[in-house]
Structures are given as C-alpha cells and as structure tokens.
C-alpha cells in the first residue's frame, strides 16, 4: 500500500494535457489521452512479469488522473493526494475534498467493494481489448488506452452513463410512473436503461 500511496499523482505532463482539453470534453476522451501520454512517458520501460512497478503505477495514478479530470471539467483546482489515506479514501479526497471522516469511511468502504467488483468483472469487452492489445507486446498504458476506448462505447461502460442520464431525466420519484409509461409506448423510442449492456 505504501508504494501505491507514494505515486498517486501522475507526471506534470499529464496534468498539462488534462488542462489543455475544453471543460466540456467527455471525460473518457481525456482519460484516453492521459493513458497515451503515459505510454509515451514510460515508452522505454521493459516489462517483466515479475516486476510489478508498472502495474503499481497504473493502479495508483488512475485515481489521481480520474480525480484531476473530474475537477477540470467541473472547473475546480486539482487536489494533492494525502498519503495517509487508503486508496478509496484518497480517491474521494482528490475528487471532492470531503473532510467528514465518518462520511468518507462509509463511502470509501462501498467504493472498495465497487472497485473490486469492477476489477473482477470477467472477460468483458474492455478486458478483452486490453488483453488483445497486450498480447501484441504493446506498452501497458497503450493497452489501457485501448481498453478505455472500448469501455467508452454505448454497449459497455457508456451504458452506465446512459443510466445516469436517464435518472437525471426522471429527476424525482414522482416522475417514475410517467417515465415508465413512455418506455412502454413503442412509438416514443425510449428505452429503460440499466438492464444488461445496451
């Protein structure tokens, strides 16, 4: 854990790339660019399956990068990592700068579980893409860029985004029945998102 906590923040070139994007950019486009920059930054590194340094870098820096992307598109300053916090606590800290210890502990525990579930999501499209790209001997960060591009697709991770958009459209519980009626009307062409990958 100590090694990961020392490397949350990516090289400055990554933060410069994030800042170069318009604030209305899609976060996945920025994330792909960040992985491409890291592929360039670590291009001459040789990978040894017994050496976990690059894996550790990827795991640690993704938290910082995602937090920086979120804060950029919401027009907020970046927050430095706190090496005293756990991985999930630090992610919450870098995203939202929440100081309530009790809230952070509850949410970070839930986030730990979510991260584990997503990491153990079997052979989905993005995992297959990363493995296929890696089988050609590509740089780890180039593999992650390809997997992220796949995850962005509307039939994969983009389906999660569609659920969030649907929930924002519904807005409040009293609107659920009316929304479901629209879904049932085939002429409306509205889908109920969140069931399988659509």
Foldseek 3Di string as FASTA:
>chain_A
DLVLLVQQADPPVLLVLLLVDPLPDDLLVSLLVSLVVVCVVCVPDDDDPVDCVVVSNVLRNVLQNSLSNLCSSVVHDFDDFDSVDDRLLRSCCRNPVDDPPVVSVVVSVVVVVVVVCVVVVPDDDLNVQLVVVVVVVGDNSNSNSRSSVVCCDQQHVVLVVVQVVVCVVCPDPVSVVVVVVLCVPVVNVDHNTDDHRD
